[in-house]
PDB file of all heavy atoms in Angstrom:
ATOM      1  N   VAL A   1     -19.790-140.887 -47.640  1.00  0.00           N
ATOM      2  CA  VAL A   1     -21.053-140.287 -48.079  1.00  0.00           C
ATOM      3  C   VAL A   1     -21.467-140.985 -49.371  1.00  0.00           C
ATOM      4  O   VAL A   1     -20.711-141.021 -50.334  1.00  0.00           O
ATOM      5  CB  VAL A   1     -20.905-138.765 -48.293  1.00  0.00           C
ATOM      6  CG1 VAL A   1     -22.159-138.173 -48.904  1.00  0.00           C
ATOM      7  CG2 VAL A   1     -20.569-138.079 -46.979  1.00  0.00           C
ATOM      8  N   THR A   2     -22.678-141.547 -49.384  1.00  0.00           N
ATOM      9  CA  THR A   2     -23.107-142.368 -50.519  1.00  0.00           C
ATOM     10  C   THR A   2     -24.011-141.644 -51.500  1.00  0.00           C
ATOM     11  O   THR A   2     -24.266-142.161 -52.579  1.00  0.00           O
ATOM     12  CB  THR A   2     -23.832-143.621 -50.017  1.00  0.00           C
ATOM     13  OG1 THR A   2     -24.943-143.222 -49.210  1.00  0.00           O
ATOM     14  CG2 THR A   2     -22.906-144.505 -49.199  1.00  0.00           C
ATOM     15  N   GLY A   3     -24.534-140.490 -51.150  1.00  0.00           N
ATOM     16  CA  GLY A   3     -25.402-139.773 -52.063  1.00  0.00           C
ATOM     17  C   GLY A   3     -25.423-138.289 -51.781  1.00  0.00           C
ATOM     18  O   GLY A   3     -25.189-137.853 -50.655  1.00  0.00           O
ATOM     19  N   MET A   4     -25.693-137.521 -52.822  1.00  0.00           N
ATOM     20  CA  MET A   4     -25.784-136.071 -52.684  1.00  0.00           C
ATOM     21  C   MET A   4     -26.582-135.515 -53.850  1.00  0.00           C
ATOM     22  O   MET A   4     -26.714-136.171 -54.885  1.00  0.00           O
ATOM     23  CB  MET A   4     -24.400-135.435 -52.617  1.00  0.00           C
ATOM     24  CG  MET A   4     -23.577-135.604 -53.866  1.00  0.00           C
ATOM     25  SD  MET A   4     -21.887-134.991 -53.711  1.00  0.00           S
ATOM     26  CE  MET A   4     -21.151-136.270 -52.729  1.00  0.00           C
ATOM     27  N   THR A   5     -27.121-134.337 -53.668  1.00  0.00           N
ATOM     28  CA  THR A   5     -27.817-133.635 -54.731  1.00  0.00           C
ATOM     29  C   THR A   5     -27.042-132.362 -55.025  1.00  0.00           C
ATOM     30  O   THR A   5     -26.673-131.628 -54.112  1.00  0.00           O
ATOM     31  CB  THR A   5     -29.263-133.287 -54.311  1.00  0.00           C
ATOM     32  OG1 THR A   5     -29.948-134.495 -53.995  1.00  0.00           O
ATOM     33  CG2 THR A   5     -29.986-132.557 -55.418  1.00  0.00           C
ATOM     34  N   ILE A   6     -26.795-132.122 -56.307  1.00  0.00           N
ATOM     35  CA  ILE A   6     -26.029-130.954 -56.740  1.00  0.00           C
ATOM     36  C   ILE A   6     -26.939-130.051 -57.573  1.00  0.00           C
ATOM     37  O   ILE A   6     -27.619-130.524 -58.475  1.00  0.00           O
ATOM     38  CB  ILE A   6     -24.821-131.384 -57.610  1.00  0.00           C
ATOM     39  CG1 ILE A   6     -23.973-132.440 -56.916  1.00  0.00           C
ATOM     40  CG2 ILE A   6     -24.003-130.182 -58.045  1.00  0.00           C
ATOM     41  CD1 ILE A   6     -23.361-132.011 -55.623  1.00  0.00           C
ATOM     42  N   THR A   7     -26.916-128.757 -57.258  1.00  0.00           N
ATOM     43  CA  THR A   7     -27.700-127.786 -58.006  1.00  0.00           C
ATOM     44  C   THR A   7     -26.806-126.623 -58.395  1.00  0.00           C
ATOM     45  O   THR A   7     -26.022-126.142 -57.569  1.00  0.00           O
ATOM     46  CB  THR A   7     -28.867-127.247 -57.136  1.00  0.00           C
ATOM     47  OG1 THR A   7     -29.594-128.345 -56.593  1.00  0.00           O
ATOM     48  CG2 THR A   7     -29.798-126.390 -57.950  1.00  0.00           C
ATOM     49  N   GLU A   8     -26.914-126.187 -59.639  1.00  0.00           N
ATOM     50  CA  GLU A   8     -26.200-124.987 -60.065  1.00  0.00           C
ATOM     51  C   GLU A   8     -27.052-123.786 -59.657  1.00  0.00           C
ATOM     52  O   GLU A   8     -28.224-123.703 -60.023  1.00  0.00           O
ATOM     53  CB  GLU A   8     -25.972-124.998 -61.572  1.00  0.00           C
ATOM     54  CG  GLU A   8     -25.011-126.081 -62.016  1.00  0.00           C
ATOM     55  CD  GLU A   8     -24.782-126.084 -63.520  1.00  0.00           C
ATOM     56  OE1 GLU A   8     -25.257-125.156 -64.224  1.00  0.00           O
ATOM     57  OE2 GLU A   8     -24.141-127.022 -63.990  1.00  0.00           O
ATOM     58  N   VAL A   9     -26.464-122.887 -58.874  1.00  0.00           N
ATOM     59  CA  VAL A   9     -27.187-121.719 -58.370  1.00  0.00           C
ATOM     60  C   VAL A   9     -26.383-120.462 -58.676  1.00  0.00           C
ATOM     61  O   VAL A   9     -25.216-120.538 -59.072  1.00  0.00           O
ATOM     62  CB  VAL A   9     -27.463-121.840 -56.854  1.00  0.00           C
ATOM     63  CG1 VAL A   9     -28.387-123.010 -56.565  1.00  0.00           C
ATOM     64  CG2 VAL A   9     -26.184-121.958 -56.063  1.00  0.00           C
ATOM     65  N   LYS A  10     -27.006-119.317 -58.466  1.00  0.00           N
ATOM     66  CA  LYS A  10     -26.326-118.033 -58.583  1.00  0.00           C
ATOM     67  C   LYS A  10     -26.671-117.205 -57.361  1.00  0.00           C
ATOM     68  O   LYS A  10     -27.780-117.281 -56.840  1.00  0.00           O
ATOM     69  CB  LYS A  10     -26.774-117.283 -59.841  1.00  0.00           C
ATOM     70  CG  LYS A  10     -26.329-117.922 -61.117  1.00  0.00           C
ATOM     71  CD  LYS A  10     -26.734-117.083 -62.296  1.00  0.00           C
ATOM     72  CE  LYS A  10     -26.243-117.747 -63.570  1.00  0.00           C
ATOM     73  NZ  LYS A  10     -26.471-116.900 -64.740  1.00  0.00           N
ATOM     74  N   GLY A  11     -25.721-116.429 -56.906  1.00  0.00           N
ATOM     75  CA  GLY A  11     -25.979-115.579 -55.756  1.00  0.00           C
ATOM     76  C   GLY A  11     -24.774-114.723 -55.430  1.00  0.00           C
ATOM     77  O   GLY A  11     -23.786-114.720 -56.153  1.00  0.00           O
ATOM     78  N   PHE A  12     -24.884-113.994 -54.323  1.00  0.00           N
ATOM     79  CA  PHE A  12     -23.752-113.214 -53.854  1.00  0.00           C
ATOM     80  C   PHE A  12     -23.859-113.045 -52.357  1.00  0.00           C
ATOM     81  O   PHE A  12     -24.923-113.161 -51.775  1.00  0.00           O
ATOM     82  CB  PHE A  12     -23.652-111.845 -54.548  1.00  0.00           C
ATOM     83  CG  PHE A  12     -24.766-110.907 -54.219  1.00  0.00           C
ATOM     84  CD1 PHE A  12     -24.692-110.073 -53.113  1.00  0.00           C
ATOM     85  CD2 PHE A  12     -25.888-110.843 -55.026  1.00  0.00           C
ATOM     86  CE1 PHE A  12     -25.717-109.193 -52.818  1.00  0.00           C
ATOM     87  CE2 PHE A  12     -26.915-109.978 -54.734  1.00  0.00           C
ATOM     88  CZ  PHE A  12     -26.834-109.152 -53.630  1.00  0.00           C
ATOM     89  N   GLY A  13     -22.737-112.798 -51.750  1.00  0.00           N
ATOM     90  CA  GLY A  13     -22.666-112.520 -50.329  1.00  0.00           C
ATOM     91  C   GLY A  13     -21.928-111.219 -50.140  1.00  0.00           C
ATOM     92  O   GLY A  13     -22.230-110.221 -50.778  1.00  0.00           O
ATOM     93  N   ARG A  14     -20.902-111.265 -49.331  1.00  0.00           N
ATOM     94  CA  ARG A  14     -20.117-110.055 -49.072  1.00  0.00           C
ATOM     95  C   ARG A  14     -19.397-109.535 -50.306  1.00  0.00           C
ATOM     96  O   ARG A  14     -19.077-108.366 -50.397  1.00  0.00           O
ATOM     97  CB  ARG A  14     -19.091-110.327 -47.977  1.00  0.00           C
ATOM     98  CG  ARG A  14     -19.732-110.493 -46.636  1.00  0.00           C
ATOM     99  CD  ARG A  14     -18.691-110.676 -45.578  1.00  0.00           C
ATOM    100  NE  ARG A  14     -19.333-110.859 -44.284  1.00  0.00           N
ATOM    101  CZ  ARG A  14     -18.743-111.363 -43.250  1.00  0.00           C
ATOM    102  NH1 ARG A  14     -17.482-111.738 -43.315  1.00  0.00           N
ATOM    103  NH2 ARG A  14     -19.392-111.498 -42.124  1.00  0.00           N
ATOM    104  N   GLN A  15     -19.140-110.436 -51.269  1.00  0.00           N
ATOM    105  CA  GLN A  15     -18.384-110.007 -52.447  1.00  0.00           C
ATOM    106  C   GLN A  15     -19.187-109.078 -53.351  1.00  0.00           C
ATOM    107  O   GLN A  15     -18.630-108.353 -54.156  1.00  0.00           O
ATOM    108  CB  GLN A  15     -17.903-111.220 -53.231  1.00  0.00           C
ATOM    109  CG  GLN A  15     -19.030-112.010 -53.863  1.00  0.00           C
ATOM    110  CD  GLN A  15     -18.644-113.421 -54.177  1.00  0.00           C
ATOM    111  OE1 GLN A  15     -18.041-114.094 -53.377  1.00  0.00           O
ATOM    112  NE2 GLN A  15     -18.994-113.869 -55.351  1.00  0.00           N
ATOM    113  N   ARG A  16     -20.513-109.129 -53.247  1.00  0.00           N
ATOM    114  CA  ARG A  16     -21.396-108.233 -54.002  1.00  0.00           C
ATOM    115  C   ARG A  16     -21.168-108.272 -55.508  1.00  0.00           C
ATOM    116  O   ARG A  16     -21.245-107.259 -56.190  1.00  0.00           O
ATOM    117  CB  ARG A  16     -21.252-106.796 -53.520  1.00  0.00           C
ATOM    118  CG  ARG A  16     -21.620-106.596 -52.100  1.00  0.00           C
ATOM    119  CD  ARG A  16     -23.103-106.499 -51.978  1.00  0.00           C
ATOM    120  NE  ARG A  16     -23.443-106.264 -50.575  1.00  0.00           N
ATOM    121  CZ  ARG A  16     -24.531-106.693 -50.032  1.00  0.00           C
ATOM    122  NH1 ARG A  16     -25.395-107.375 -50.736  1.00  0.00           N
ATOM    123  NH2 ARG A  16     -24.780-106.460 -48.771  1.00  0.00           N
ATOM    124  N   GLY A  17     -20.851-109.418 -56.060  1.00  0.00           N
ATOM    125  CA  GLY A  17     -20.654-109.528 -57.499  1.00  0.00           C
ATOM    126  C   GLY A  17     -19.283-109.032 -57.918  1.00  0.00           C
ATOM    127  O   GLY A  17     -18.399-108.821 -57.093  1.00  0.00           O
ATOM    128  N   HIS A  18     -19.114-108.839 -59.210  1.00  0.00           N
ATOM    129  CA  HIS A  18     -17.851-108.331 -59.723  1.00  0.00           C
ATOM    130  C   HIS A  18     -18.072-107.657 -61.068  1.00  0.00           C
ATOM    131  O   HIS A  18     -19.150-107.747 -61.659  1.00  0.00           O
ATOM    132  CB  HIS A  18     -16.815-109.453 -59.833  1.00  0.00           C
ATOM    133  CG  HIS A  18     -17.157-110.492 -60.852  1.00  0.00           C
ATOM    134  ND1 HIS A  18     -17.988-111.550 -60.585  1.00  0.00           N
ATOM    135  CD2 HIS A  18     -16.778-110.628 -62.148  1.00  0.00           C
ATOM    136  CE1 HIS A  18     -18.104-112.295 -61.662  1.00  0.00           C
ATOM    137  NE2 HIS A  18     -17.391-111.754 -62.622  1.00  0.00           N
ATOM    138  N   LYS A  19     -17.035-106.980 -61.553  1.00  0.00           N
ATOM    139  CA  LYS A  19     -17.113-106.287 -62.842  1.00  0.00           C
ATOM    140  C   LYS A  19     -16.299-107.052 -63.869  1.00  0.00           C
ATOM    141  O   LYS A  19     -15.239-107.591 -63.573  1.00  0.00           O
ATOM    142  CB  LYS A  19     -16.581-104.866 -62.718  1.00  0.00           C
ATOM    143  CG  LYS A  19     -17.442-103.988 -61.856  1.00  0.00           C
ATOM    144  CD  LYS A  19     -16.887-102.593 -61.739  1.00  0.00           C
ATOM    145  CE  LYS A  19     -17.806-101.803 -60.814  1.00  0.00           C
ATOM    146  NZ  LYS A  19     -17.244-100.539 -60.441  1.00  0.00           N
ATOM    147  N   GLU A  20     -16.829-107.097 -65.092  1.00  0.00           N
ATOM    148  CA  GLU A  20     -16.123-107.701 -66.212  1.00  0.00           C
ATOM    149  C   GLU A  20     -16.132-106.720 -67.367  1.00  0.00           C
ATOM    150  O   GLU A  20     -17.045-105.903 -67.498  1.00  0.00           O
ATOM    151  CB  GLU A  20     -16.788-109.008 -66.642  1.00  0.00           C
ATOM    152  CG  GLU A  20     -16.621-110.129 -65.635  1.00  0.00           C
ATOM    153  CD  GLU A  20     -17.180-111.444 -66.144  1.00  0.00           C
ATOM    154  OE1 GLU A  20     -17.662-111.503 -67.294  1.00  0.00           O
ATOM    155  OE2 GLU A  20     -17.138-112.417 -65.374  1.00  0.00           O
ATOM    156  N   ILE A  21     -15.118-106.828 -68.216  1.00  0.00           N
ATOM    157  CA  ILE A  21     -15.052-105.987 -69.401  1.00  0.00           C
ATOM    158  C   ILE A  21     -15.196-106.887 -70.623  1.00  0.00           C
ATOM    159  O   ILE A  21     -14.476-107.875 -70.769  1.00  0.00           O
ATOM    160  CB  ILE A  21     -13.726-105.204 -69.455  1.00  0.00           C
ATOM    161  CG1 ILE A  21     -13.660-104.260 -68.253  1.00  0.00           C
ATOM    162  CG2 ILE A  21     -13.601-104.449 -70.765  1.00  0.00           C
ATOM    163  CD1 ILE A  21     -12.366-103.491 -68.135  1.00  0.00           C
ATOM    164  N   TYR A  22     -16.173-106.561 -71.474  1.00  0.00           N
ATOM    165  CA  TYR A  22     -16.424-107.331 -72.679  1.00  0.00           C
ATOM    166  C   TYR A  22     -16.495-106.373 -73.848  1.00  0.00           C
ATOM    167  O   TYR A  22     -17.333-105.463 -73.863  1.00  0.00           O
ATOM    168  CB  TYR A  22     -17.729-108.126 -72.544  1.00  0.00           C
ATOM    169  CG  TYR A  22     -18.079-108.926 -73.764  1.00  0.00           C
ATOM    170  CD1 TYR A  22     -17.347-110.055 -74.109  1.00  0.00           C
ATOM    171  CD2 TYR A  22     -19.137-108.558 -74.580  1.00  0.00           C
ATOM    172  CE1 TYR A  22     -17.652-110.797 -75.223  1.00  0.00           C
ATOM    173  CE2 TYR A  22     -19.466-109.287 -75.697  1.00  0.00           C
ATOM    174  CZ  TYR A  22     -18.717-110.414 -76.018  1.00  0.00           C
ATOM    175  OH  TYR A  22     -19.030-111.149 -77.141  1.00  0.00           O
ATOM    176  N   ARG A  23     -15.581-106.527 -74.793  1.00  0.00           N
ATOM    177  CA  ARG A  23     -15.496-105.657 -75.978  1.00  0.00           C
ATOM    178  C   ARG A  23     -15.471-104.177 -75.607  1.00  0.00           C
ATOM    179  O   ARG A  23     -16.169-103.356 -76.183  1.00  0.00           O
ATOM    180  CB  ARG A  23     -16.646-105.952 -76.936  1.00  0.00           C
ATOM    181  CG  ARG A  23     -16.562-107.330 -77.538  1.00  0.00           C
ATOM    182  CD  ARG A  23     -17.568-107.527 -78.610  1.00  0.00           C
ATOM    183  NE  ARG A  23     -17.421-108.854 -79.185  1.00  0.00           N
ATOM    184  CZ  ARG A  23     -18.115-109.302 -80.179  1.00  0.00           C
ATOM    185  NH1 ARG A  23     -19.028-108.537 -80.747  1.00  0.00           N
ATOM    186  NH2 ARG A  23     -17.928-110.513 -80.639  1.00  0.00           N
ATOM    187  N   GLY A  24     -14.707-103.890 -74.575  1.00  0.00           N
ATOM    188  CA  GLY A  24     -14.510-102.507 -74.171  1.00  0.00           C
ATOM    189  C   GLY A  24     -15.574-101.937 -73.256  1.00  0.00           C
ATOM    190  O   GLY A  24     -15.405-100.835 -72.734  1.00  0.00           O
ATOM    191  N   ALA A  25     -16.659-102.653 -73.061  1.00  0.00           N
ATOM    192  CA  ALA A  25     -17.726-102.157 -72.182  1.00  0.00           C
ATOM    193  C   ALA A  25     -17.631-102.871 -70.829  1.00  0.00           C
ATOM    194  O   ALA A  25     -17.359-104.061 -70.769  1.00  0.00           O
ATOM    195  CB  ALA A  25     -19.096-102.408 -72.803  1.00  0.00           C
ATOM    196  N   GLU A  26     -17.852-102.114 -69.776  1.00  0.00           N
ATOM    197  CA  GLU A  26     -17.783-102.683 -68.436  1.00  0.00           C
ATOM    198  C   GLU A  26     -19.169-103.124 -67.986  1.00  0.00           C
ATOM    199  O   GLU A  26     -20.134-102.390 -68.116  1.00  0.00           O
ATOM    200  CB  GLU A  26     -17.229-101.640 -67.465  1.00  0.00           C
ATOM    201  CG  GLU A  26     -16.948-102.187 -66.094  1.00  0.00           C
ATOM    202  CD  GLU A  26     -16.281-101.155 -65.208  1.00  0.00           C
ATOM    203  OE1 GLU A  26     -15.055-101.004 -65.285  1.00  0.00           O
ATOM    204  OE2 GLU A  26     -17.025-100.507 -64.448  1.00  0.00           O
ATOM    205  N   TYR A  27     -19.250-104.353 -67.481  1.00  0.00           N
ATOM    206  CA  TYR A  27     -20.511-104.915 -66.994  1.00  0.00           C
ATOM    207  C   TYR A  27     -20.358-105.297 -65.536  1.00  0.00           C
ATOM    208  O   TYR A  27     -19.334-105.840 -65.129  1.00  0.00           O
ATOM    209  CB  TYR A  27     -20.886-106.176 -67.786  1.00  0.00           C
ATOM    210  CG  TYR A  27     -21.185-105.914 -69.232  1.00  0.00           C
ATOM    211  CD1 TYR A  27     -20.188-106.022 -70.194  1.00  0.00           C
ATOM    212  CD2 TYR A  27     -22.465-105.563 -69.641  1.00  0.00           C
ATOM    213  CE1 TYR A  27     -20.454-105.780 -71.526  1.00  0.00           C
ATOM    214  CE2 TYR A  27     -22.741-105.317 -70.975  1.00  0.00           C
ATOM    215  CZ  TYR A  27     -21.730-105.431 -71.914  1.00  0.00           C
ATOM    216  OH  TYR A  27     -21.998-105.193 -73.229  1.00  0.00           O
ATOM    217  N   HIS A  28     -21.387-105.034 -64.756  1.00  0.00           N
ATOM    218  CA  HIS A  28     -21.402-105.443 -63.360  1.00  0.00           C
ATOM    219  C   HIS A  28     -22.198-106.744 -63.264  1.00  0.00           C
ATOM    220  O   HIS A  28     -23.368-106.782 -63.640  1.00  0.00           O
ATOM    221  CB  HIS A  28     -22.015-104.370 -62.463  1.00  0.00           C
ATOM    222  CG  HIS A  28     -21.932-104.720 -61.011  1.00  0.00           C
ATOM    223  ND1 HIS A  28     -20.744-104.643 -60.315  1.00  0.00           N
ATOM    224  CD2 HIS A  28     -22.846-105.170 -60.136  1.00  0.00           C
ATOM    225  CE1 HIS A  28     -20.946-105.030 -59.073  1.00  0.00           C
ATOM    226  NE2 HIS A  28     -22.224-105.358 -58.940  1.00  0.00           N
ATOM    227  N   ILE A  29     -21.559-107.791 -62.800  1.00  0.00           N
ATOM    228  CA  ILE A  29     -22.189-109.090 -62.642  1.00  0.00           C
ATOM    229  C   ILE A  29     -22.632-109.206 -61.184  1.00  0.00           C
ATOM    230  O   ILE A  29     -21.799-109.306 -60.282  1.00  0.00           O
ATOM    231  CB  ILE A  29     -21.210-110.243 -62.998  1.00  0.00           C
ATOM    232  CG1 ILE A  29     -20.561-110.026 -64.362  1.00  0.00           C
ATOM    233  CG2 ILE A  29     -21.912-111.585 -62.904  1.00  0.00           C
ATOM    234  CD1 ILE A  29     -21.514-109.998 -65.518  1.00  0.00           C
ATOM    235  N   ASP A  30     -23.949-109.165 -60.945  1.00  0.00           N
ATOM    236  CA  ASP A  30     -24.473-109.202 -59.581  1.00  0.00           C
ATOM    237  C   ASP A  30     -24.455-110.594 -58.982  1.00  0.00           C
ATOM    238  O   ASP A  30     -24.149-110.763 -57.811  1.00  0.00           O
ATOM    239  CB  ASP A  30     -25.913-108.680 -59.541  1.00  0.00           C
ATOM    240  CG  ASP A  30     -25.985-107.183 -59.777  1.00  0.00           C
ATOM    241  OD1 ASP A  30     -25.046-106.483 -59.374  1.00  0.00           O
ATOM    242  OD2 ASP A  30     -26.971-106.732 -60.369  1.00  0.00           O
ATOM    243  N   PHE A  31     -24.828-111.586 -59.752  1.00  0.00           N
ATOM    244  CA  PHE A  31     -24.968-112.941 -59.232  1.00  0.00           C
ATOM    245  C   PHE A  31     -23.845-113.822 -59.763  1.00  0.00           C
ATOM    246  O   PHE A  31     -23.678-113.969 -60.963  1.00  0.00           O
ATOM    247  CB  PHE A  31     -26.335-113.519 -59.600  1.00  0.00           C
ATOM    248  CG  PHE A  31     -27.467-112.761 -58.972  1.00  0.00           C
ATOM    249  CD1 PHE A  31     -28.239-111.895 -59.723  1.00  0.00           C
ATOM    250  CD2 PHE A  31     -27.739-112.902 -57.626  1.00  0.00           C
ATOM    251  CE1 PHE A  31     -29.273-111.187 -59.145  1.00  0.00           C
ATOM    252  CE2 PHE A  31     -28.767-112.196 -57.028  1.00  0.00           C
ATOM    253  CZ  PHE A  31     -29.539-111.334 -57.796  1.00  0.00           C
ATOM    254  N   ILE A  32     -23.115-114.405 -58.835  1.00  0.00           N
ATOM    255  CA  ILE A  32     -21.960-115.240 -59.161  1.00  0.00           C
ATOM    256  C   ILE A  32     -22.410-116.702 -59.231  1.00  0.00           C
ATOM    257  O   ILE A  32     -23.130-117.163 -58.342  1.00  0.00           O
ATOM    258  CB  ILE A  32     -20.872-115.096 -58.069  1.00  0.00           C
ATOM    259  CG1 ILE A  32     -20.560-113.633 -57.801  1.00  0.00           C
ATOM    260  CG2 ILE A  32     -19.631-115.887 -58.412  1.00  0.00           C
ATOM    261  CD1 ILE A  32     -20.008-112.883 -58.972  1.00  0.00           C
ATOM    262  N   PRO A  33     -21.979-117.458 -60.242  1.00  0.00           N
ATOM    263  CA  PRO A  33     -22.334-118.885 -60.306  1.00  0.00           C
ATOM    264  C   PRO A  33     -21.707-119.652 -59.144  1.00  0.00           C
ATOM    265  O   PRO A  33     -20.529-119.489 -58.842  1.00  0.00           O
ATOM    266  CB  PRO A  33     -21.743-119.353 -61.637  1.00  0.00           C
ATOM    267  CG  PRO A  33     -21.418-118.125 -62.398  1.00  0.00           C
ATOM    268  CD  PRO A  33     -21.226-117.028 -61.404  1.00  0.00           C
ATOM    269  N   LYS A  34     -22.508-120.486 -58.508  1.00  0.00           N
ATOM    270  CA  LYS A  34     -22.066-121.322 -57.383  1.00  0.00           C
ATOM    271  C   LYS A  34     -22.683-122.705 -57.543  1.00  0.00           C
ATOM    272  O   LYS A  34     -23.560-122.916 -58.373  1.00  0.00           O
ATOM    273  CB  LYS A  34     -22.514-120.737 -56.036  1.00  0.00           C
ATOM    274  CG  LYS A  34     -22.002-119.342 -55.737  1.00  0.00           C
ATOM    275  CD  LYS A  34     -20.548-119.348 -55.390  1.00  0.00           C
ATOM    276  CE  LYS A  34     -20.092-117.938 -55.044  1.00  0.00           C
ATOM    277  NZ  LYS A  34     -18.731-117.895 -54.595  1.00  0.00           N
ATOM    278  N   ILE A  35     -22.249-123.624 -56.708  1.00  0.00           N
ATOM    279  CA  ILE A  35     -22.810-124.973 -56.652  1.00  0.00           C
ATOM    280  C   ILE A  35     -23.391-125.175 -55.257  1.00  0.00           C
ATOM    281  O   ILE A  35     -22.747-124.862 -54.254  1.00  0.00           O
ATOM    282  CB  ILE A  35     -21.725-126.042 -56.910  1.00  0.00           C
ATOM    283  CG1 ILE A  35     -21.156-125.920 -58.322  1.00  0.00           C
ATOM    284  CG2 ILE A  35     -22.267-127.449 -56.657  1.00  0.00           C
ATOM    285  CD1 ILE A  35     -22.132-126.248 -59.433  1.00  0.00           C
ATOM    286  N   LEU A  36     -24.608-125.707 -55.188  1.00  0.00           N
ATOM    287  CA  LEU A  36     -25.254-126.037 -53.921  1.00  0.00           C
ATOM    288  C   LEU A  36     -25.247-127.561 -53.782  1.00  0.00           C
ATOM    289  O   LEU A  36     -25.805-128.271 -54.619  1.00  0.00           O
ATOM    290  CB  LEU A  36     -26.690-125.516 -53.890  1.00  0.00           C
ATOM    291  CG  LEU A  36     -27.537-125.921 -52.684  1.00  0.00           C
ATOM    292  CD1 LEU A  36     -26.961-125.327 -51.401  1.00  0.00           C
ATOM    293  CD2 LEU A  36     -28.977-125.495 -52.876  1.00  0.00           C
ATOM    294  N   ILE A  37     -24.581-128.041 -52.745  1.00  0.00           N
ATOM    295  CA  ILE A  37     -24.537-129.467 -52.448  1.00  0.00           C
ATOM    296  C   ILE A  37     -25.488-129.717 -51.283  1.00  0.00           C
ATOM    297  O   ILE A  37     -25.363-129.075 -50.240  1.00  0.00           O
ATOM    298  CB  ILE A  37     -23.120-129.920 -52.050  1.00  0.00           C
ATOM    299  CG1 ILE A  37     -22.127-129.612 -53.153  1.00  0.00           C
ATOM    300  CG2 ILE A  37     -23.106-131.409 -51.692  1.00  0.00           C
ATOM    301  CD1 ILE A  37     -20.682-129.854 -52.767  1.00  0.00           C
ATOM    302  N   SER A  38     -26.426-130.640 -51.465  1.00  0.00           N
ATOM    303  CA  SER A  38     -27.361-131.005 -50.399  1.00  0.00           C
ATOM    304  C   SER A  38     -27.116-132.445 -49.988  1.00  0.00           C
ATOM    305  O   SER A  38     -27.062-133.335 -50.839  1.00  0.00           O
ATOM    306  CB  SER A  38     -28.809-130.859 -50.872  1.00  0.00           C
ATOM    307  OG  SER A  38     -29.106-129.522 -51.146  1.00  0.00           O
ATOM    308  N   LEU A  39     -26.985-132.659 -48.690  1.00  0.00           N
ATOM    309  CA  LEU A  39     -26.744-133.989 -48.138  1.00  0.00           C
ATOM    310  C   LEU A  39     -27.659-134.200 -46.950  1.00  0.00           C
ATOM    311  O   LEU A  39     -27.905-133.271 -46.191  1.00  0.00           O
ATOM    312  CB  LEU A  39     -25.305-134.116 -47.614  1.00  0.00           C
ATOM    313  CG  LEU A  39     -24.149-133.695 -48.492  1.00  0.00           C
ATOM    314  CD1 LEU A  39     -22.912-133.496 -47.650  1.00  0.00           C
ATOM    315  CD2 LEU A  39     -23.900-134.763 -49.519  1.00  0.00           C
ATOM    316  N   VAL A  40     -28.156-135.416 -46.765  1.00  0.00           N
ATOM    317  CA  VAL A  40     -28.817-135.808 -45.524  1.00  0.00           C
ATOM    318  C   VAL A  40     -28.008-136.966 -44.976  1.00  0.00           C
ATOM    319  O   VAL A  40     -27.836-137.989 -45.635  1.00  0.00           O
ATOM    320  CB  VAL A  40     -30.291-136.206 -45.742  1.00  0.00           C
ATOM    321  CG1 VAL A  40     -30.902-136.709 -44.448  1.00  0.00           C
ATOM    322  CG2 VAL A  40     -31.086-135.015 -46.277  1.00  0.00           C
ATOM    323  N   LEU A  41     -27.478-136.767 -43.763  1.00  0.00           N
ATOM    324  CA  LEU A  41     -26.545-137.730 -43.181  1.00  0.00           C
ATOM    325  C   LEU A  41     -26.962-138.119 -41.773  1.00  0.00           C
ATOM    326  O   LEU A  41     -27.621-137.355 -41.071  1.00  0.00           O
ATOM    327  CB  LEU A  41     -25.137-137.117 -43.116  1.00  0.00           C
ATOM    328  CG  LEU A  41     -24.522-136.653 -44.429  1.00  0.00           C
ATOM    329  CD1 LEU A  41     -23.219-135.933 -44.169  1.00  0.00           C
ATOM    330  CD2 LEU A  41     -24.307-137.822 -45.352  1.00  0.00           C
ATOM    331  N   THR A  42     -26.516-139.299 -41.364  1.00  0.00           N
ATOM    332  CA  THR A  42     -26.685-139.699 -39.973  1.00  0.00           C
ATOM    333  C   THR A  42     -25.744-138.842 -39.125  1.00  0.00           C
ATOM    334  O   THR A  42     -24.736-138.326 -39.618  1.00  0.00           O
ATOM    335  CB  THR A  42     -26.371-141.187 -39.783  1.00  0.00           C
ATOM    336  OG1 THR A  42     -25.057-141.450 -40.281  1.00  0.00           O
ATOM    337  CG2 THR A  42     -27.383-142.059 -40.535  1.00  0.00           C
ATOM    338  N   ASP A  43     -26.075-138.712 -37.853  1.00  0.00           N
ATOM    339  CA  ASP A  43     -25.336-137.809 -36.971  1.00  0.00           C
ATOM    340  C   ASP A  43     -23.839-138.120 -36.902  1.00  0.00           C
ATOM    341  O   ASP A  43     -23.024-137.209 -36.747  1.00  0.00           O
ATOM    342  CB  ASP A  43     -25.937-137.824 -35.567  1.00  0.00           C
ATOM    343  CG  ASP A  43     -27.311-137.168 -35.531  1.00  0.00           C
ATOM    344  OD1 ASP A  43     -27.582-136.303 -36.384  1.00  0.00           O
ATOM    345  OD2 ASP A  43     -28.108-137.526 -34.643  1.00  0.00           O
ATOM    346  N   ASP A  44     -23.460-139.380 -37.038  1.00  0.00           N
ATOM    347  CA  ASP A  44     -22.044-139.743 -36.919  1.00  0.00           C
ATOM    348  C   ASP A  44     -21.197-139.253 -38.091  1.00  0.00           C
ATOM    349  O   ASP A  44     -19.984-139.138 -37.974  1.00  0.00           O
ATOM    350  CB  ASP A  44     -21.882-141.261 -36.745  1.00  0.00           C
ATOM    351  CG  ASP A  44     -22.466-142.043 -37.910  1.00  0.00           C
ATOM    352  OD1 ASP A  44     -23.564-141.693 -38.379  1.00  0.00           O
ATOM    353  OD2 ASP A  44     -21.820-143.013 -38.344  1.00  0.00           O
TER     354      ASP A  44
END
């Protein structure tokens, strides 16, 4: 593969985010950081 496009994205699927604790307070993080890789390739 000679080329690709990378994008930093945020989202969620079945995991539905997660909870974090910061300085004693609990926060619900809805969107998880992910990477989107886009490729256009020949069929082979």
